[in-house]
Amino acid sequence: MNISSRLSRSDNGLVASPLSSVADAQPPLSYAQWVRQALADRAEAFVLFDSSVDEPKALLQQTIREGFADGFSDRYTSAFVSGNPYVLKALSRRYDVPQDHILTTSAATTAIALVYRAYVSEGEHILVETPRFDLLATTALDMGIEVEDFQRTGQDYAINIDDLRARIRPDTRLIVLSDLHNPSGMLLDSATLTELAELARTYGLKIVVDEVYGDYADSARPRSAVHYSSDFIAINSLTKIYGLSSLRCGWILGTPEALAPVREVAGRYDFTTSNLSHAVAALVLEADDTYDAYRRQVMAQTRPVMAKFFDLWHSEGLIEGQMPEHGCICFPKLTGIDDTIAFSDWLAKTHNVRVAPGEYFGAAGSVRIGFAKDITGMTAALERMTHGLRQYRHV
């Protein structure tokens, strides 16, 4: 049964309105807070919740050494007024959009906040997918925006367009979703994106698409959602596709008209872009073939291992769900386990493995697993998790 919920703030954090069940209530910590606490509590546990490839330190070192071999690279220039021009040029080539269709930011999370500030006033309404990355909702709630869930359902976490249409109100300003879907890793098909574009046109909305995992789909997803409609606004960064969160380089794609209010807000609020970080980001993006090859090599090693364990757990009745065809994350539902915060804590204490509880994505009973990890350590961790899944039902 799908239950719609509206979220609000209380002195103790997120609470669910009477429209949602007890099971839908948010856990007491944000996902970011949970990650910090999890790492502090059991530093020795193998982390299976990381959701990107490991930072390519050797490759990054080579890029920086070559780029700055003769002193400061000419890529080192002001990013303050209109963005680093070399980053813009590289992104224009990569995503096949004109440079005036790109706004660079200090991170994808900054980009989300800028879009919300630009398009939604306090008290107005947005529709946000669930399960979801929690910041898609909490960022809005912190601004006094009303957030209503729409469910992504089935093993492929599809979007029911009719259900979504029924939730649109006169004060609905945005529909917010991710593709690849976070936490499941599932890819939206072209038909759904086309239907979303028509929905946006009909109701005068913008569709915000978090595309931070989109590049993992490669040829299966050759274009950004912005190519489907001028009502799409896409958000991305270097963090997930290359593991380069240290560069704090994000971007927003959209038509000049769609980006105009966001640029105005960015001019007032976004003062954190680093000239040095974006100079290095330019060098990385100009060598994106090399960094894409690194990501693909990692996934070619780790995906078959994850798929093997996923199939094993399925065959033993330990999980439900579907392994995504793309990306570096999966989101199995654990059979007979409703409290996945408790399971994650138990697994860390007894088997030294950490997985991300589904409660932090709005789906208690599931766990998010990241599998773009060192193959040896990841294989051992998945073996220990297998033992844990078999044992936990008897605990």
Protein backbone atom coordinates (compact mmCIF):
# COMPACT_ATOMS: atom_id res chain seq x y z
CA MET A 1 0.00 0.00 0.00
CA ASN A 2 1.41 3.37 -1.02
CA ILE A 3 0.96 6.05 1.64
CA SER A 4 1.43 9.72 0.76
CA SER A 5 2.95 11.88 3.47
CA ARG A 6 3.62 15.56 3.93
CA LEU A 7 6.63 16.47 6.02
CA SER A 8 7.16 19.42 8.32
CA ARG A 9 9.61 20.69 10.91
CA SER A 10 9.38 20.45 14.68
CA ASP A 11 11.85 21.36 17.41
CA ASN A 12 13.14 17.79 17.22
CA GLY A 13 13.60 17.66 13.45
CA LEU A 14 11.46 16.09 10.74
CA VAL A 15 8.03 14.80 11.66
CA ALA A 16 5.32 13.19 9.57
CA SER A 17 1.85 14.69 9.40
CA PRO A 18 -1.27 12.61 10.19
CA LEU A 19 -1.40 11.68 6.49
CA SER A 20 1.51 9.27 6.99
CA SER A 21 1.79 6.11 9.00
CA VAL A 22 4.14 5.48 11.90
CA ALA A 23 6.36 3.50 9.54
CA ASP A 24 6.81 6.61 7.38
CA ALA A 25 8.08 8.78 10.25
CA GLN A 26 11.59 10.04 9.72
CA PRO A 27 14.46 8.74 11.86
CA PRO A 28 15.94 11.18 14.37
CA LEU A 29 19.11 11.92 12.36
CA SER A 30 19.74 13.01 8.80
CA TYR A 31 21.61 10.64 6.54
CA ALA A 32 24.73 12.81 6.73
CA GLN A 33 24.56 12.73 10.53
CA TRP A 34 24.08 8.97 10.47
CA VAL A 35 27.15 8.54 8.24
CA ARG A 36 29.33 10.59 10.59
CA GLN A 37 28.06 8.70 13.62
CA ALA A 38 28.48 5.32 11.90
CA LEU A 39 32.07 6.07 10.94
CA ALA A 40 32.88 7.32 14.43
CA ASP A 41 31.24 4.39 16.23
CA ARG A 42 32.95 1.59 14.30
CA ALA A 43 35.84 2.99 12.33
CA GLU A 44 37.12 -0.51 11.55
CA ALA A 45 33.90 -1.64 9.85
CA PHE A 46 34.03 -2.04 6.07
CA VAL A 47 31.87 0.66 4.51
CA LEU A 48 29.38 -0.73 2.00
CA PHE A 49 27.36 2.47 1.86
CA ASP A 50 29.84 4.61 -0.08
CA SER A 51 28.04 5.69 -3.22
CA SER A 52 30.79 6.57 -5.66
CA VAL A 53 34.03 5.19 -7.00
CA ASP A 54 37.02 5.72 -4.76
CA GLU A 55 38.89 8.95 -5.35
CA PRO A 56 41.42 8.31 -8.16
CA LYS A 57 44.34 9.82 -6.27
CA ALA A 58 47.11 8.66 -8.59
CA LEU A 59 45.22 9.87 -11.65
CA LEU A 60 44.40 13.18 -9.99
CA GLN A 61 48.02 13.64 -8.96
CA GLN A 62 49.12 13.09 -12.55
CA THR A 63 46.53 15.58 -13.85
CA ILE A 64 47.65 18.24 -11.39
CA ARG A 65 51.35 17.60 -11.99
CA GLU A 66 50.98 17.94 -15.75
CA GLY A 67 48.59 20.89 -15.57
CA PHE A 68 50.80 22.89 -13.20
CA ALA A 69 54.17 21.72 -14.48
CA ASP A 70 55.17 25.19 -15.69
CA GLY A 71 53.69 27.11 -12.78
CA PHE A 72 50.06 28.03 -12.42
CA SER A 73 47.93 26.55 -15.17
CA ASP A 74 46.07 28.99 -17.39
CA ARG A 75 42.99 27.09 -16.20
CA TYR A 76 43.50 28.93 -12.91
CA THR A 77 41.20 31.88 -13.42
CA SER A 78 38.31 33.52 -11.63
CA ALA A 79 35.20 31.38 -11.27
CA PHE A 80 33.37 34.07 -9.33
CA VAL A 81 31.49 36.09 -11.93
CA SER A 82 30.31 33.60 -14.57
CA GLY A 83 32.21 30.40 -13.79
CA ASN A 84 35.55 29.03 -14.93
CA PRO A 85 35.41 29.33 -18.76
CA TYR A 86 37.37 26.10 -19.24
CA VAL A 87 34.93 24.18 -17.04
CA LEU A 88 32.03 25.62 -19.02
CA LYS A 89 33.63 24.70 -22.33
CA ALA A 90 34.33 21.14 -21.21
CA LEU A 91 30.81 20.66 -19.82
CA SER A 92 29.32 22.11 -23.00
CA ARG A 93 31.15 19.47 -25.02
CA ARG A 94 30.37 16.65 -22.61
CA TYR A 95 26.61 17.28 -22.37
CA ASP A 96 26.09 18.77 -25.83
CA VAL A 97 24.56 22.02 -24.62
CA PRO A 98 25.60 25.65 -25.24
CA GLN A 99 27.66 27.29 -22.53
CA ASP A 100 24.84 29.66 -21.60
CA HIS A 101 22.83 26.54 -20.64
CA ILE A 102 25.28 25.84 -17.77
CA LEU A 103 25.68 27.38 -14.32
CA THR A 104 28.60 26.08 -12.24
CA THR A 105 28.35 25.83 -8.46
CA SER A 106 30.44 24.70 -5.52
CA ALA A 107 28.59 21.37 -5.29
CA ALA A 108 25.39 19.56 -6.24
CA THR A 109 23.92 20.24 -2.79
CA THR A 110 24.51 23.97 -3.35
CA ALA A 111 22.82 23.64 -6.73
CA ILE A 112 19.70 22.12 -5.14
CA ALA A 113 19.43 24.99 -2.66
CA LEU A 114 19.89 27.61 -5.40
CA VAL A 115 17.14 26.11 -7.56
CA TYR A 116 14.73 25.96 -4.61
CA ARG A 117 15.46 29.58 -3.66
CA ALA A 118 14.96 30.67 -7.25
CA TYR A 119 11.67 28.91 -7.91
CA VAL A 120 9.81 28.38 -4.64
CA SER A 121 8.65 30.85 -2.00
CA GLU A 122 8.00 30.00 1.63
CA GLY A 123 4.73 28.11 2.03
CA GLU A 124 4.56 26.98 -1.59
CA HIS A 125 4.43 23.34 -2.62
CA ILE A 126 6.83 20.91 -4.30
CA LEU A 127 6.54 17.21 -5.10
CA VAL A 128 9.57 15.08 -4.25
CA GLU A 129 10.09 11.41 -5.06
CA THR A 130 10.35 8.77 -2.36
CA PRO A 131 12.44 6.73 -1.71
CA ARG A 132 14.91 9.60 -2.08
CA PHE A 133 18.16 11.20 -1.07
CA ASP A 134 17.01 13.07 2.03
CA LEU A 135 18.47 16.47 1.11
CA LEU A 136 16.00 16.76 -1.77
CA ALA A 137 13.31 17.22 0.89
CA THR A 138 15.11 18.60 3.95
CA THR A 139 16.68 21.47 2.01
CA ALA A 140 13.20 22.59 1.02
CA LEU A 141 11.77 22.11 4.50
CA ASP A 142 14.50 24.30 5.97
CA MET A 143 13.29 27.07 3.63
CA GLY A 144 9.68 26.76 4.77
CA ILE A 145 8.59 24.99 1.59
CA GLU A 146 5.81 22.40 1.78
CA VAL A 147 7.04 18.99 0.63
CA GLU A 148 4.74 16.22 -0.54
CA ASP A 149 5.94 12.74 -1.48
CA PHE A 150 5.17 10.88 -4.64
CA GLN A 151 6.04 7.21 -4.60
CA ARG A 152 8.40 5.48 -7.00
CA THR A 153 7.06 1.96 -7.08
CA GLY A 154 7.73 -1.58 -8.22
CA GLN A 155 11.03 -3.34 -8.59
CA ASP A 156 12.18 -0.72 -11.10
CA TYR A 157 11.00 2.23 -8.95
CA ALA A 158 8.87 3.58 -11.77
CA ILE A 159 6.97 6.88 -11.72
CA ASN A 160 3.18 6.73 -11.98
CA ILE A 161 2.39 9.79 -14.09
CA ASP A 162 -1.34 9.70 -13.30
CA ASP A 163 -0.65 9.63 -9.55
CA LEU A 164 1.85 12.46 -9.95
CA ARG A 165 -0.64 14.52 -11.96
CA ALA A 166 -3.29 14.08 -9.26
CA ARG A 167 -0.96 15.62 -6.65
CA ILE A 168 -0.26 18.84 -8.58
CA ARG A 169 -1.82 21.92 -6.96
CA PRO A 170 -2.10 25.54 -8.08
CA ASP A 171 0.86 26.39 -5.81
CA THR A 172 3.04 23.46 -6.92
CA ARG A 173 6.26 24.89 -8.30
CA LEU A 174 8.62 21.95 -8.81
CA ILE A 175 8.66 18.18 -9.27
CA VAL A 176 11.96 16.79 -7.95
CA LEU A 177 13.44 13.38 -8.81
CA SER A 178 16.71 11.62 -9.51
CA ASP A 179 17.94 9.66 -12.54
CA LEU A 180 19.69 7.32 -12.01
CA HIS A 181 17.40 6.94 -9.01
CA ASN A 182 19.04 7.36 -5.62
CA PRO A 183 18.88 4.98 -3.70
CA SER A 184 17.93 2.19 -6.15
CA GLY A 185 20.18 2.97 -9.13
CA MET A 186 17.27 2.48 -11.56
CA LEU A 187 17.17 4.31 -14.90
CA LEU A 188 14.08 6.15 -16.16
CA ASP A 189 13.06 5.26 -19.70
CA SER A 190 12.60 7.81 -22.47
CA ALA A 191 8.83 7.39 -22.44
CA THR A 192 8.65 8.49 -18.79
CA LEU A 193 10.87 11.51 -19.41
CA THR A 194 8.67 12.46 -22.36
CA GLU A 195 5.54 12.17 -20.18
CA LEU A 196 7.17 14.28 -17.48
CA ALA A 197 8.01 16.92 -20.07
CA GLU A 198 4.37 17.04 -21.16
CA LEU A 199 3.24 17.26 -17.53
CA ALA A 200 5.55 20.21 -16.94
CA ARG A 201 4.33 21.99 -20.06
CA THR A 202 0.66 21.45 -19.18
CA TYR A 203 0.90 22.75 -15.62
CA GLY A 204 3.64 25.36 -16.02
CA LEU A 205 6.09 23.50 -13.76
CA LYS A 206 9.80 22.85 -13.72
CA ILE A 207 11.13 19.31 -13.32
CA VAL A 208 14.36 19.18 -11.29
CA VAL A 209 16.41 16.07 -12.07
CA ASP A 210 19.32 15.07 -9.83
CA GLU A 211 21.66 13.45 -12.37
CA VAL A 212 24.70 12.86 -10.18
CA TYR A 213 24.66 9.13 -11.05
CA GLY A 214 23.47 9.60 -14.63
CA ASP A 215 26.87 9.25 -16.26
CA TYR A 216 27.16 5.68 -14.93
CA ALA A 217 24.53 4.65 -17.49
CA ASP A 218 26.85 5.62 -20.38
CA SER A 219 25.31 4.72 -23.76
CA ALA A 220 22.00 3.64 -22.18
CA ARG A 221 21.50 7.26 -21.14
CA PRO A 222 23.33 9.28 -23.79
CA ARG A 223 21.78 12.66 -22.98
CA SER A 224 20.82 14.78 -20.03
CA ALA A 225 17.11 15.21 -19.28
CA VAL A 226 17.38 18.85 -20.39
CA HIS A 227 17.35 17.64 -23.99
CA TYR A 228 13.75 16.47 -23.52
CA SER A 229 12.24 19.81 -22.57
CA SER A 230 13.04 23.40 -21.68
CA ASP A 231 11.14 22.73 -18.43
CA PHE A 232 13.82 20.35 -17.15
CA ILE A 233 16.59 21.58 -14.86
CA ALA A 234 19.41 19.07 -14.26
CA ILE A 235 21.93 18.97 -11.42
CA ASN A 236 25.26 17.15 -11.43
CA SER A 237 28.80 17.23 -10.01
CA LEU A 238 32.18 15.51 -10.07
CA THR A 239 31.53 13.73 -6.76
CA LYS A 240 29.68 10.59 -7.85
CA ILE A 241 30.92 10.08 -11.39
CA TYR A 242 34.63 10.37 -10.51
CA GLY A 243 34.77 10.27 -6.71
CA LEU A 244 36.15 13.82 -6.70
CA SER A 245 34.16 15.46 -3.91
CA SER A 246 37.35 17.28 -2.88
CA LEU A 247 37.08 19.53 -5.95
CA ARG A 248 33.64 20.87 -4.91
CA CYS A 249 32.55 21.30 -8.51
CA GLY A 250 28.88 21.06 -9.40
CA TRP A 251 26.72 22.39 -12.20
CA ILE A 252 23.16 23.07 -13.26
CA LEU A 253 21.93 22.53 -16.82
CA GLY A 254 18.92 24.29 -18.31
CA THR A 255 17.87 26.82 -20.90
CA PRO A 256 19.02 30.43 -20.37
CA GLU A 257 15.43 31.29 -19.43
CA ALA A 258 15.22 28.46 -16.88
CA LEU A 259 18.60 29.39 -15.39
CA ALA A 260 18.00 33.16 -15.25
CA PRO A 261 16.34 33.19 -11.79
CA VAL A 262 18.91 30.70 -10.50
CA ARG A 263 21.78 32.91 -11.68
CA GLU A 264 20.22 35.85 -9.89
CA VAL A 265 19.99 33.86 -6.65
CA ALA A 266 23.52 32.47 -7.10
CA GLY A 267 24.82 36.02 -7.42
CA ARG A 268 23.43 36.76 -3.97
CA TYR A 269 24.21 33.53 -2.12
CA ASP A 270 26.94 31.41 -3.75
CA PHE A 271 30.33 32.84 -2.72
CA THR A 272 32.08 29.53 -2.05
CA THR A 273 33.35 28.49 -5.47
CA SER A 274 37.12 27.91 -5.33
CA ASN A 275 39.23 29.19 -8.22
CA LEU A 276 41.83 26.50 -7.51
CA SER A 277 39.33 23.65 -7.25
CA HIS A 278 37.60 24.63 -10.47
CA ALA A 279 40.94 25.03 -12.25
CA VAL A 280 41.71 21.42 -11.37
CA ALA A 281 38.14 20.47 -12.30
CA ALA A 282 38.73 21.98 -15.74
CA LEU A 283 41.82 19.81 -16.20
CA VAL A 284 39.83 16.74 -15.11
CA LEU A 285 36.92 17.47 -17.44
CA GLU A 286 39.28 18.09 -20.35
CA ALA A 287 40.64 14.58 -19.69
CA ASP A 288 37.20 13.07 -19.07
CA ASP A 289 37.90 10.10 -21.37
CA THR A 290 40.64 9.02 -18.95
CA TYR A 291 38.47 9.48 -15.88
CA ASP A 292 35.50 7.76 -17.53
CA ALA A 293 37.78 4.83 -18.35
CA TYR A 294 38.81 4.64 -14.69
CA ARG A 295 35.15 4.54 -13.58
CA ARG A 296 34.26 1.89 -16.16
CA GLN A 297 37.23 -0.25 -15.19
CA VAL A 298 36.18 -0.17 -11.54
CA MET A 299 32.59 -1.07 -12.38
CA ALA A 300 33.64 -3.86 -14.75
CA GLN A 301 35.35 -5.51 -11.79
CA THR A 302 32.85 -4.85 -9.05
CA ARG A 303 29.44 -5.16 -10.76
CA PRO A 304 29.72 -8.91 -11.50
CA VAL A 305 30.68 -9.53 -7.86
CA MET A 306 27.72 -7.53 -6.55
CA ALA A 307 25.38 -9.25 -9.02
CA LYS A 308 26.61 -12.67 -7.86
CA PHE A 309 25.80 -11.91 -4.23
CA PHE A 310 22.51 -10.25 -5.14
CA ASP A 311 21.44 -13.41 -6.99
CA LEU A 312 22.60 -15.61 -4.10
CA TRP A 313 20.58 -13.60 -1.57
CA HIS A 314 17.57 -13.80 -3.86
CA SER A 315 17.88 -17.56 -4.26
CA GLU A 316 17.97 -18.00 -0.48
CA GLY A 317 14.96 -15.76 0.07
CA LEU A 318 17.02 -13.21 1.99
CA ILE A 319 16.07 -10.22 -0.18
CA GLU A 320 13.50 -8.94 -2.62
CA GLY A 321 13.99 -6.48 -5.43
CA GLN A 322 15.98 -6.07 -8.60
CA MET A 323 19.63 -5.44 -9.33
CA PRO A 324 19.89 -2.22 -11.40
CA GLU A 325 21.49 -2.49 -14.82
CA HIS A 326 23.54 0.65 -14.30
CA GLY A 327 25.25 2.64 -11.58
CA CYS A 328 27.17 1.79 -8.45
CA ILE A 329 24.35 1.41 -5.90
CA CYS A 330 21.52 -1.04 -5.26
CA PHE A 331 18.64 -1.06 -2.79
CA PRO A 332 17.44 -4.57 -1.89
CA LYS A 333 14.51 -5.07 0.47
CA LEU A 334 15.50 -7.42 3.31
CA THR A 335 13.05 -10.26 3.79
CA GLY A 336 11.43 -10.20 7.21
CA ILE A 337 13.46 -7.22 8.47
CA ASP A 338 11.56 -3.99 9.04
CA ASP A 339 13.99 -2.06 11.25
CA THR A 340 17.06 -1.66 9.06
CA ILE A 341 18.67 0.87 11.41
CA ALA A 342 18.83 -1.89 13.99
CA PHE A 343 20.04 -4.38 11.38
CA SER A 344 22.79 -2.05 10.18
CA ASP A 345 23.99 -1.48 13.75
CA TRP A 346 23.94 -5.22 14.48
CA LEU A 347 25.79 -6.03 11.24
CA ALA A 348 28.52 -3.52 12.09
CA LYS A 349 28.96 -4.87 15.61
CA THR A 350 28.91 -8.56 14.70
CA HIS A 351 30.39 -8.67 11.18
CA ASN A 352 32.26 -5.35 10.82
CA VAL A 353 30.21 -4.28 7.80
CA ARG A 354 28.15 -1.09 7.42
CA VAL A 355 25.18 -0.69 5.05
CA ALA A 356 22.91 2.35 4.77
CA PRO A 357 19.50 1.86 6.43
CA GLY A 358 16.50 2.47 4.20
CA GLU A 359 14.88 4.66 6.86
CA TYR A 360 17.17 7.49 5.75
CA PHE A 361 15.75 7.25 2.22
CA GLY A 362 12.11 6.85 3.25
CA ALA A 363 12.00 3.07 2.83
CA ALA A 364 12.46 1.16 6.08
CA GLY A 365 13.23 -2.50 5.44
CA SER A 366 15.64 -1.85 2.56
CA VAL A 367 19.36 -1.05 2.61
CA ARG A 368 21.49 0.88 0.16
CA ILE A 369 24.71 -0.83 -0.85
CA GLY A 370 27.50 0.88 -2.78
CA PHE A 371 29.63 -1.49 -4.83
CA ALA A 372 32.24 0.70 -6.52
CA LYS A 373 34.82 -0.38 -3.96
CA ASP A 374 38.16 -2.17 -3.70
CA ILE A 375 37.29 -5.60 -5.05
CA THR A 376 39.09 -7.63 -2.38
CA GLY A 377 37.67 -5.78 0.60
CA MET A 378 34.23 -5.55 -0.96
CA THR A 379 34.07 -9.29 -1.67
CA ALA A 380 35.01 -10.11 1.91
CA ALA A 381 32.43 -7.62 3.21
CA LEU A 382 29.68 -9.09 1.03
CA GLU A 383 30.57 -12.57 2.29
CA ARG A 384 30.25 -11.34 5.88
CA MET A 385 26.97 -9.65 5.03
CA THR A 386 25.70 -12.94 3.61
CA HIS A 387 26.41 -14.66 6.93
CA GLY A 388 24.74 -11.77 8.72
CA LEU A 389 21.57 -11.97 6.62
CA ARG A 390 21.33 -15.69 7.31
CA GLN A 391 21.85 -15.25 11.03
CA TYR A 392 19.77 -12.15 11.72
CA ARG A 393 16.40 -13.82 11.27
CA HIS A 394 17.29 -16.07 14.22
CA VAL A 395 18.50 -13.26 16.49
